[in-house]
PDB file of N, CA and C in Angstrom:
ATOM      1  N   UNK A   1      37.025  22.820  -2.236  1.00  0.00           N
ATOM      2  CA  UNK A   1      36.952  21.722  -1.293  1.00  0.00           C
ATOM      3  C   UNK A   1      35.496  21.288  -1.130  1.00  0.00           C
ATOM      4  N   UNK A   2      35.219  20.015  -1.321  1.00  0.00           N
ATOM      5  CA  UNK A   2      33.867  19.505  -1.189  1.00  0.00           C
ATOM      6  C   UNK A   2      33.429  19.498   0.267  1.00  0.00           C
ATOM      7  N   UNK A   3      32.152  19.690   0.476  1.00  0.00           N
ATOM      8  CA  UNK A   3      31.584  19.766   1.820  1.00  0.00           C
ATOM      9  C   UNK A   3      30.504  18.703   1.968  1.00  0.00           C
ATOM     10  N   UNK A   4      30.135  18.435   3.213  1.00  0.00           N
ATOM     11  CA  UNK A   4      29.031  17.534   3.515  1.00  0.00           C
ATOM     12  C   UNK A   4      27.858  18.360   4.008  1.00  0.00           C
ATOM     13  N   UNK A   5      26.712  18.127   3.398  1.00  0.00           N
ATOM     14  CA  UNK A   5      25.473  18.801   3.774  1.00  0.00           C
ATOM     15  C   UNK A   5      24.490  17.777   4.322  1.00  0.00           C
ATOM     16  N   UNK A   6      23.969  18.022   5.518  1.00  0.00           N
ATOM     17  CA  UNK A   6      22.858  17.242   6.067  1.00  0.00           C
ATOM     18  C   UNK A   6      21.606  18.051   5.776  1.00  0.00           C
ATOM     19  N   UNK A   7      20.680  17.452   5.052  1.00  0.00           N
ATOM     20  CA  UNK A   7      19.518  18.186   4.567  1.00  0.00           C
ATOM     21  C   UNK A   7      18.247  17.573   5.139  1.00  0.00           C
ATOM     22  N   UNK A   8      17.454  18.383   5.782  1.00  0.00           N
ATOM     23  CA  UNK A   8      16.139  17.970   6.263  1.00  0.00           C
ATOM     24  C   UNK A   8      15.224  17.772   5.058  1.00  0.00           C
ATOM     25  N   UNK A   9      14.134  17.066   5.235  1.00  0.00           N
ATOM     26  CA  UNK A   9      13.225  16.800   4.124  1.00  0.00           C
ATOM     27  C   UNK A   9      11.957  17.639   4.246  1.00  0.00           C
ATOM     28  N   UNK A  10      11.141  17.377   5.260  1.00  0.00           N
ATOM     29  CA  UNK A  10       9.857  18.059   5.406  1.00  0.00           C
ATOM     30  C   UNK A  10      10.064  19.523   5.791  1.00  0.00           C
ATOM     31  N   UNK A  11       9.444  20.402   5.009  1.00  0.00           N
ATOM     32  CA  UNK A  11       9.609  21.827   5.237  1.00  0.00           C
ATOM     33  C   UNK A  11      10.846  22.398   4.580  1.00  0.00           C
ATOM     34  N   UNK A  12      11.642  21.546   3.945  1.00  0.00           N
ATOM     35  CA  UNK A  12      12.854  21.984   3.259  1.00  0.00           C
ATOM     36  C   UNK A  12      12.758  21.684   1.765  1.00  0.00           C
ATOM     37  N   UNK A  13      12.591  20.411   1.407  1.00  0.00           N
ATOM     38  CA  UNK A  13      12.460  20.062  -0.012  1.00  0.00           C
ATOM     39  C   UNK A  13      11.040  19.611  -0.366  1.00  0.00           C
ATOM     40  N   UNK A  14      10.152  19.609   0.627  1.00  0.00           N
ATOM     41  CA  UNK A  14       8.753  19.276   0.357  1.00  0.00           C
ATOM     42  C   UNK A  14       7.867  19.946   1.394  1.00  0.00           C
ATOM     43  N   UNK A  15       6.598  20.026   1.052  1.00  0.00           N
ATOM     44  CA  UNK A  15       5.589  20.593   1.947  1.00  0.00           C
ATOM     45  C   UNK A  15       4.765  19.426   2.484  1.00  0.00           C
ATOM     46  N   UNK A  16       4.690  19.319   3.806  1.00  0.00           N
ATOM     47  CA  UNK A  16       4.011  18.206   4.455  1.00  0.00           C
ATOM     48  C   UNK A  16       3.054  18.753   5.501  1.00  0.00           C
ATOM     49  N   UNK A  17       1.826  18.259   5.479  1.00  0.00           N
ATOM     50  CA  UNK A  17       0.842  18.624   6.508  1.00  0.00           C
ATOM     51  C   UNK A  17       1.021  17.691   7.695  1.00  0.00           C
ATOM     52  N   UNK A  18       1.512  18.233   8.798  1.00  0.00           N
ATOM     53  CA  UNK A  18       1.715  17.420   9.996  1.00  0.00           C
ATOM     54  C   UNK A  18       2.609  16.228   9.703  1.00  0.00           C
ATOM     55  N   UNK A  19       2.106  15.040  10.037  1.00  0.00           N
ATOM     56  CA  UNK A  19       2.862  13.806   9.803  1.00  0.00           C
ATOM     57  C   UNK A  19       2.321  13.022   8.621  1.00  0.00           C
ATOM     58  N   UNK A  20       1.629  13.703   7.701  1.00  0.00           N
ATOM     59  CA  UNK A  20       1.064  13.042   6.517  1.00  0.00           C
ATOM     60  C   UNK A  20       2.136  12.939   5.439  1.00  0.00           C
ATOM     61  N   UNK A  21       3.170  12.140   5.716  1.00  0.00           N
ATOM     62  CA  UNK A  21       4.327  12.032   4.826  1.00  0.00           C
ATOM     63  C   UNK A  21       3.953  11.463   3.461  1.00  0.00           C
ATOM     64  N   UNK A  22       2.984  10.567   3.437  1.00  0.00           N
ATOM     65  CA  UNK A  22       2.575   9.921   2.188  1.00  0.00           C
ATOM     66  C   UNK A  22       2.124  10.939   1.145  1.00  0.00           C
ATOM     67  N   UNK A  23       1.524  12.030   1.592  1.00  0.00           N
ATOM     68  CA  UNK A  23       0.993  13.043   0.676  1.00  0.00           C
ATOM     69  C   UNK A  23       1.864  14.291   0.593  1.00  0.00           C
ATOM     70  N   UNK A  24       3.115  14.188   0.996  1.00  0.00           N
ATOM     71  CA  UNK A  24       4.038  15.327   0.916  1.00  0.00           C
ATOM     72  C   UNK A  24       4.162  15.780  -0.540  1.00  0.00           C
ATOM     73  N   UNK A  25       4.200  17.091  -0.738  1.00  0.00           N
ATOM     74  CA  UNK A  25       4.331  17.677  -2.081  1.00  0.00           C
ATOM     75  C   UNK A  25       5.750  18.194  -2.270  1.00  0.00           C
ATOM     76  N   UNK A  26       6.448  17.718  -3.291  1.00  0.00           N
ATOM     77  CA  UNK A  26       7.839  18.147  -3.499  1.00  0.00           C
ATOM     78  C   UNK A  26       7.940  19.619  -3.873  1.00  0.00           C
ATOM     79  N   UNK A  27       9.015  20.254  -3.440  1.00  0.00           N
ATOM     80  CA  UNK A  27       9.366  21.624  -3.828  1.00  0.00           C
ATOM     81  C   UNK A  27      10.538  21.478  -4.801  1.00  0.00           C
ATOM     82  N   UNK A  28      10.213  21.460  -6.090  1.00  0.00           N
ATOM     83  CA  UNK A  28      11.249  21.171  -7.090  1.00  0.00           C
ATOM     84  C   UNK A  28      12.306  22.267  -7.192  1.00  0.00           C
ATOM     85  N   UNK A  29      11.978  23.479  -6.817  1.00  0.00           N
ATOM     86  CA  UNK A  29      12.992  24.547  -6.797  1.00  0.00           C
ATOM     87  C   UNK A  29      14.023  24.257  -5.709  1.00  0.00           C
ATOM     88  N   UNK A  30      13.564  23.856  -4.541  1.00  0.00           N
ATOM     89  CA  UNK A  30      14.481  23.520  -3.452  1.00  0.00           C
ATOM     90  C   UNK A  30      15.301  22.280  -3.796  1.00  0.00           C
ATOM     91  N   UNK A  31      14.657  21.284  -4.396  1.00  0.00           N
ATOM     92  CA  UNK A  31      15.364  20.062  -4.795  1.00  0.00           C
ATOM     93  C   UNK A  31      16.463  20.403  -5.798  1.00  0.00           C
ATOM     94  N   UNK A  32      16.188  21.307  -6.725  1.00  0.00           N
ATOM     95  CA  UNK A  32      17.194  21.710  -7.715  1.00  0.00           C
ATOM     96  C   UNK A  32      18.407  22.346  -7.036  1.00  0.00           C
ATOM     97  N   UNK A  33      18.185  23.101  -5.975  1.00  0.00           N
ATOM     98  CA  UNK A  33      19.302  23.723  -5.249  1.00  0.00           C
ATOM     99  C   UNK A  33      20.188  22.656  -4.608  1.00  0.00           C
ATOM    100  N   UNK A  34      19.571  21.653  -4.002  1.00  0.00           N
ATOM    101  CA  UNK A  34      20.342  20.583  -3.370  1.00  0.00           C
ATOM    102  C   UNK A  34      21.027  19.736  -4.439  1.00  0.00           C
ATOM    103  N   UNK A  35      20.322  19.463  -5.535  1.00  0.00           N
ATOM    104  CA  UNK A  35      20.939  18.699  -6.631  1.00  0.00           C
ATOM    105  C   UNK A  35      22.154  19.422  -7.197  1.00  0.00           C
ATOM    106  N   UNK A  36      22.101  20.749  -7.255  1.00  0.00           N
ATOM    107  CA  UNK A  36      23.243  21.532  -7.731  1.00  0.00           C
ATOM    108  C   UNK A  36      24.447  21.321  -6.809  1.00  0.00           C
ATOM    109  N   UNK A  37      24.204  21.322  -5.497  1.00  0.00           N
ATOM    110  CA  UNK A  37      25.291  21.080  -4.547  1.00  0.00           C
ATOM    111  C   UNK A  37      25.898  19.693  -4.778  1.00  0.00           C
ATOM    112  N   UNK A  38      25.052  18.698  -5.023  1.00  0.00           N
ATOM    113  CA  UNK A  38      25.522  17.343  -5.317  1.00  0.00           C
ATOM    114  C   UNK A  38      26.350  17.335  -6.598  1.00  0.00           C
ATOM    115  N   UNK A  39      25.837  17.990  -7.646  1.00  0.00           N
ATOM    116  CA  UNK A  39      26.533  18.026  -8.933  1.00  0.00           C
ATOM    117  C   UNK A  39      27.892  18.720  -8.833  1.00  0.00           C
ATOM    118  N   UNK A  40      28.034  19.609  -7.860  1.00  0.00           N
ATOM    119  CA  UNK A  40      29.307  20.294  -7.632  1.00  0.00           C
ATOM    120  C   UNK A  40      30.291  19.422  -6.859  1.00  0.00           C
ATOM    121  N   UNK A  41      29.877  18.195  -6.514  1.00  0.00           N
ATOM    122  CA  UNK A  41      30.779  17.258  -5.844  1.00  0.00           C
ATOM    123  C   UNK A  41      30.624  17.179  -4.340  1.00  0.00           C
ATOM    124  N   UNK A  42      29.609  17.838  -3.807  1.00  0.00           N
ATOM    125  CA  UNK A  42      29.391  17.801  -2.363  1.00  0.00           C
ATOM    126  C   UNK A  42      28.670  16.520  -1.954  1.00  0.00           C
ATOM    127  N   UNK A  43      28.844  16.144  -0.701  1.00  0.00           N
ATOM    128  CA  UNK A  43      28.202  14.968  -0.116  1.00  0.00           C
ATOM    129  C   UNK A  43      26.849  15.394   0.457  1.00  0.00           C
ATOM    130  N   UNK A  44      25.765  14.801  -0.044  1.00  0.00           N
ATOM    131  CA  UNK A  44      24.423  15.157   0.403  1.00  0.00           C
ATOM    132  C   UNK A  44      23.853  14.002   1.213  1.00  0.00           C
ATOM    133  N   UNK A  45      23.514  14.294   2.458  1.00  0.00           N
ATOM    134  CA  UNK A  45      22.889  13.312   3.345  1.00  0.00           C
ATOM    135  C   UNK A  45      21.516  13.851   3.729  1.00  0.00           C
ATOM    136  N   UNK A  46      20.480  13.200   3.241  1.00  0.00           N
ATOM    137  CA  UNK A  46      19.142  13.558   3.711  1.00  0.00           C
ATOM    138  C   UNK A  46      18.954  12.916   5.069  1.00  0.00           C
ATOM    139  N   UNK A  47      18.528  13.721   6.043  1.00  0.00           N
ATOM    140  CA  UNK A  47      18.412  13.304   7.441  1.00  0.00           C
ATOM    141  C   UNK A  47      17.062  13.755   7.942  1.00  0.00           C
ATOM    142  N   UNK A  48      16.234  12.812   8.358  1.00  0.00           N
ATOM    143  CA  UNK A  48      14.871  13.147   8.718  1.00  0.00           C
ATOM    144  C   UNK A  48      14.456  12.574  10.065  1.00  0.00           C
ATOM    145  N   UNK A  49      13.517  13.257  10.683  1.00  0.00           N
ATOM    146  CA  UNK A  49      12.928  12.799  11.944  1.00  0.00           C
ATOM    147  C   UNK A  49      11.647  12.003  11.693  1.00  0.00           C
ATOM    148  N   UNK A  50      11.336  11.713  10.435  1.00  0.00           N
ATOM    149  CA  UNK A  50      10.126  10.933  10.133  1.00  0.00           C
ATOM    150  C   UNK A  50      10.141   9.633  10.938  1.00  0.00           C
ATOM    151  N   UNK A  51       9.130   9.456  11.748  1.00  0.00           N
ATOM    152  CA  UNK A  51       9.008   8.254  12.564  1.00  0.00           C
ATOM    153  C   UNK A  51       9.734   8.313  13.893  1.00  0.00           C
ATOM    154  N   UNK A  52      10.514   9.347  14.143  1.00  0.00           N
ATOM    155  CA  UNK A  52      11.286   9.420  15.391  1.00  0.00           C
ATOM    156  C   UNK A  52      10.391   9.480  16.625  1.00  0.00           C
ATOM    157  N   UNK A  53       9.310  10.230  16.547  1.00  0.00           N
ATOM    158  CA  UNK A  53       8.406  10.343  17.698  1.00  0.00           C
ATOM    159  C   UNK A  53       7.407   9.202  17.749  1.00  0.00           C
ATOM    160  N   UNK A  54       6.901   8.795  16.581  1.00  0.00           N
ATOM    161  CA  UNK A  54       5.851   7.774  16.529  1.00  0.00           C
ATOM    162  C   UNK A  54       6.383   6.349  16.562  1.00  0.00           C
ATOM    163  N   UNK A  55       7.650   6.164  16.194  1.00  0.00           N
ATOM    164  CA  UNK A  55       8.211   4.831  16.117  1.00  0.00           C
ATOM    165  C   UNK A  55       7.893   4.124  14.800  1.00  0.00           C
ATOM    166  N   UNK A  56       7.230   4.821  13.875  1.00  0.00           N
ATOM    167  CA  UNK A  56       6.914   4.233  12.565  1.00  0.00           C
ATOM    168  C   UNK A  56       8.176   4.128  11.724  1.00  0.00           C
ATOM    169  N   UNK A  57       8.243   3.100  10.893  1.00  0.00           N
ATOM    170  CA  UNK A  57       9.357   2.928   9.960  1.00  0.00           C
ATOM    171  C   UNK A  57       8.967   3.605   8.644  1.00  0.00           C
ATOM    172  N   UNK A  58       9.552   4.735   8.364  1.00  0.00           N
ATOM    173  CA  UNK A  58       9.223   5.529   7.178  1.00  0.00           C
ATOM    174  C   UNK A  58      10.318   5.477   6.120  1.00  0.00           C
ATOM    175  N   UNK A  59      11.283   4.569   6.273  1.00  0.00           N
ATOM    176  CA  UNK A  59      12.435   4.560   5.382  1.00  0.00           C
ATOM    177  C   UNK A  59      12.040   4.312   3.923  1.00  0.00           C
ATOM    178  N   UNK A  60      11.319   3.244   3.640  1.00  0.00           N
ATOM    179  CA  UNK A  60      10.989   2.904   2.250  1.00  0.00           C
ATOM    180  C   UNK A  60      10.134   3.986   1.603  1.00  0.00           C
ATOM    181  N   UNK A  61       9.155   4.522   2.330  1.00  0.00           N
ATOM    182  CA  UNK A  61       8.327   5.607   1.810  1.00  0.00           C
ATOM    183  C   UNK A  61       9.196   6.808   1.449  1.00  0.00           C
ATOM    184  N   UNK A  62      10.083   7.180   2.359  1.00  0.00           N
ATOM    185  CA  UNK A  62      10.931   8.350   2.159  1.00  0.00           C
ATOM    186  C   UNK A  62      11.913   8.135   1.009  1.00  0.00           C
ATOM    187  N   UNK A  63      12.552   6.991   0.972  1.00  0.00           N
ATOM    188  CA  UNK A  63      13.484   6.685  -0.119  1.00  0.00           C
ATOM    189  C   UNK A  63      12.758   6.734  -1.458  1.00  0.00           C
ATOM    190  N   UNK A  64      11.583   6.147  -1.520  1.00  0.00           N
ATOM    191  CA  UNK A  64      10.796   6.164  -2.752  1.00  0.00           C
ATOM    192  C   UNK A  64      10.452   7.569  -3.200  1.00  0.00           C
ATOM    193  N   UNK A  65      10.103   8.435  -2.251  1.00  0.00           N
ATOM    194  CA  UNK A  65       9.787   9.827  -2.597  1.00  0.00           C
ATOM    195  C   UNK A  65      11.015  10.543  -3.133  1.00  0.00           C
ATOM    196  N   UNK A  66      12.148  10.391  -2.469  1.00  0.00           N
ATOM    197  CA  UNK A  66      13.369  11.059  -2.932  1.00  0.00           C
ATOM    198  C   UNK A  66      13.711  10.644  -4.355  1.00  0.00           C
ATOM    199  N   UNK A  67      13.604   9.356  -4.640  1.00  0.00           N
ATOM    200  CA  UNK A  67      13.904   8.868  -5.983  1.00  0.00           C
ATOM    201  C   UNK A  67      12.875   9.370  -6.994  1.00  0.00           C
ATOM    202  N   UNK A  68      11.602   9.331  -6.636  1.00  0.00           N
ATOM    203  CA  UNK A  68      10.537   9.807  -7.521  1.00  0.00           C
ATOM    204  C   UNK A  68      10.693  11.296  -7.822  1.00  0.00           C
ATOM    205  N   UNK A  69      11.099  12.056  -6.837  1.00  0.00           N
ATOM    206  CA  UNK A  69      11.243  13.508  -6.995  1.00  0.00           C
ATOM    207  C   UNK A  69      12.544  13.899  -7.695  1.00  0.00           C
ATOM    208  N   UNK A  70      13.403  12.949  -7.997  1.00  0.00           N
ATOM    209  CA  UNK A  70      14.644  13.246  -8.703  1.00  0.00           C
ATOM    210  C   UNK A  70      15.747  13.807  -7.819  1.00  0.00           C
ATOM    211  N   UNK A  71      15.699  13.514  -6.533  1.00  0.00           N
ATOM    212  CA  UNK A  71      16.714  14.013  -5.604  1.00  0.00           C
ATOM    213  C   UNK A  71      18.026  13.255  -5.808  1.00  0.00           C
ATOM    214  N   UNK A  72      19.110  14.008  -5.817  1.00  0.00           N
ATOM    215  CA  UNK A  72      20.444  13.426  -5.903  1.00  0.00           C
ATOM    216  C   UNK A  72      21.050  13.472  -4.502  1.00  0.00           C
ATOM    217  N   UNK A  73      21.579  12.326  -4.062  1.00  0.00           N
ATOM    218  CA  UNK A  73      22.104  12.285  -2.695  1.00  0.00           C
ATOM    219  C   UNK A  73      23.019  11.090  -2.527  1.00  0.00           C
ATOM    220  N   UNK A  74      23.812  11.127  -1.466  1.00  0.00           N
ATOM    221  CA  UNK A  74      24.727  10.047  -1.149  1.00  0.00           C
ATOM    222  C   UNK A  74      24.118   9.055  -0.168  1.00  0.00           C
ATOM    223  N   UNK A  75      23.295   9.556   0.762  1.00  0.00           N
ATOM    224  CA  UNK A  75      22.654   8.638   1.709  1.00  0.00           C
ATOM    225  C   UNK A  75      21.411   9.278   2.320  1.00  0.00           C
ATOM    226  N   UNK A  76      20.564   8.398   2.843  1.00  0.00           N
ATOM    227  CA  UNK A  76      19.367   8.792   3.574  1.00  0.00           C
ATOM    228  C   UNK A  76      19.501   8.237   4.978  1.00  0.00           C
ATOM    229  N   UNK A  77      19.380   9.103   5.963  1.00  0.00           N
ATOM    230  CA  UNK A  77      19.477   8.668   7.350  1.00  0.00           C
ATOM    231  C   UNK A  77      18.200   9.042   8.082  1.00  0.00           C
ATOM    232  N   UNK A  78      17.690   8.080   8.804  1.00  0.00           N
ATOM    233  CA  UNK A  78      16.498   8.276   9.625  1.00  0.00           C
ATOM    234  C   UNK A  78      16.948   8.489  11.067  1.00  0.00           C
ATOM    235  N   UNK A  79      16.002   8.843  11.923  1.00  0.00           N
ATOM    236  CA  UNK A  79      16.296   8.920  13.349  1.00  0.00           C
ATOM    237  C   UNK A  79      16.816  10.259  13.826  1.00  0.00           C
ATOM    238  N   UNK A  80      16.607  11.303  13.013  1.00  0.00           N
ATOM    239  CA  UNK A  80      16.989  12.633  13.488  1.00  0.00           C
ATOM    240  C   UNK A  80      16.135  12.952  14.717  1.00  0.00           C
ATOM    241  N   UNK A  81      16.705  13.507  15.749  1.00  0.00           N
ATOM    242  CA  UNK A  81      15.894  13.843  16.924  1.00  0.00           C
ATOM    243  C   UNK A  81      14.764  14.798  16.547  1.00  0.00           C
ATOM    244  N   UNK A  82      13.652  14.614  17.194  1.00  0.00           N
ATOM    245  CA  UNK A  82      12.495  15.477  16.962  1.00  0.00           C
ATOM    246  C   UNK A  82      12.633  16.730  17.831  1.00  0.00           C
ATOM    247  N   UNK A  83      12.581  17.900  17.212  1.00  0.00           N
ATOM    248  CA  UNK A  83      12.692  19.161  17.950  1.00  0.00           C
ATOM    249  C   UNK A  83      11.909  20.231  17.218  1.00  0.00           C
ATOM    250  N   UNK A  84      11.695  21.351  17.856  1.00  0.00           N
ATOM    251  CA  UNK A  84      10.982  22.458  17.230  1.00  0.00           C
ATOM    252  C   UNK A  84      11.917  23.410  16.501  1.00  0.00           C
ATOM    253  N   UNK A  85      13.095  23.638  17.043  1.00  0.00           N
ATOM    254  CA  UNK A  85      14.053  24.553  16.426  1.00  0.00           C
ATOM    255  C   UNK A  85      15.457  24.005  16.615  1.00  0.00           C
ATOM    256  N   UNK A  86      16.326  24.353  15.677  1.00  0.00           N
ATOM    257  CA  UNK A  86      17.739  24.034  15.837  1.00  0.00           C
ATOM    258  C   UNK A  86      18.519  25.353  15.778  1.00  0.00           C
ATOM    259  N   UNK A  87      19.415  25.504  16.698  1.00  0.00           N
ATOM    260  CA  UNK A  87      20.302  26.675  16.721  1.00  0.00           C
ATOM    261  C   UNK A  87      21.707  26.127  16.567  1.00  0.00           C
ATOM    262  N   UNK A  88      22.358  26.558  15.493  1.00  0.00           N
ATOM    263  CA  UNK A  88      23.666  25.989  15.183  1.00  0.00           C
ATOM    264  C   UNK A  88      24.471  27.017  14.403  1.00  0.00           C
ATOM    265  N   UNK A  89      25.754  27.082  14.669  1.00  0.00           N
ATOM    266  CA  UNK A  89      26.594  28.060  13.973  1.00  0.00           C
ATOM    267  C   UNK A  89      26.792  27.711  12.504  1.00  0.00           C
ATOM    268  N   UNK A  90      26.443  26.500  12.108  1.00  0.00           N
ATOM    269  CA  UNK A  90      26.614  26.101  10.708  1.00  0.00           C
ATOM    270  C   UNK A  90      25.284  25.874   9.987  1.00  0.00           C
ATOM    271  N   UNK A  91      24.192  26.288  10.576  1.00  0.00           N
ATOM    272  CA  UNK A  91      22.873  26.075   9.977  1.00  0.00           C
ATOM    273  C   UNK A  91      22.617  27.121   8.890  1.00  0.00           C
ATOM    274  N   UNK A  92      22.050  26.663   7.746  1.00  0.00           N
ATOM    275  CA  UNK A  92      21.618  27.569   6.692  1.00  0.00           C
ATOM    276  C   UNK A  92      20.220  27.156   6.248  1.00  0.00           C
ATOM    277  N   UNK A  93      19.479  28.097   5.743  1.00  0.00           N
ATOM    278  CA  UNK A  93      18.133  27.829   5.241  1.00  0.00           C
ATOM    279  C   UNK A  93      18.200  27.574   3.743  1.00  0.00           C
ATOM    280  N   UNK A  94      17.229  26.815   3.236  1.00  0.00           N
ATOM    281  CA  UNK A  94      17.190  26.525   1.805  1.00  0.00           C
ATOM    282  C   UNK A  94      17.145  27.815   1.001  1.00  0.00           C
ATOM    283  N   UNK A  95      16.504  28.848   1.527  1.00  0.00           N
ATOM    284  CA  UNK A  95      16.401  30.131   0.797  1.00  0.00           C
ATOM    285  C   UNK A  95      17.747  30.833   0.664  1.00  0.00           C
ATOM    286  N   UNK A  96      18.731  30.421   1.454  1.00  0.00           N
ATOM    287  CA  UNK A  96      20.057  31.040   1.384  1.00  0.00           C
ATOM    288  C   UNK A  96      20.960  30.383   0.349  1.00  0.00           C
ATOM    289  N   UNK A  97      20.511  29.290  -0.251  1.00  0.00           N
ATOM    290  CA  UNK A  97      21.340  28.610  -1.250  1.00  0.00           C
ATOM    291  C   UNK A  97      21.163  29.223  -2.614  1.00  0.00           C
TER     292      UNK A  97
END
């Protein structure tokens, strides 16, 4: 049965210093793990808080990075709430994939 995965970007598939999204460095090992989930037929939604606190529109920059880095996905969603930690019964870390 195919599943839907909401995947964070910064700190998950790339390394970003603070809010310096333009200079984010891709983690190709992590991207390969997410791409594998996509190739298995799962729905991949990249969901980011980029711009949520500052009000900046980071959509085109983020979309361009995902495409440049070879990320496979069904959609990109902005506007994830900004928080320090998430506690959820369905949360998994990239290292667990």
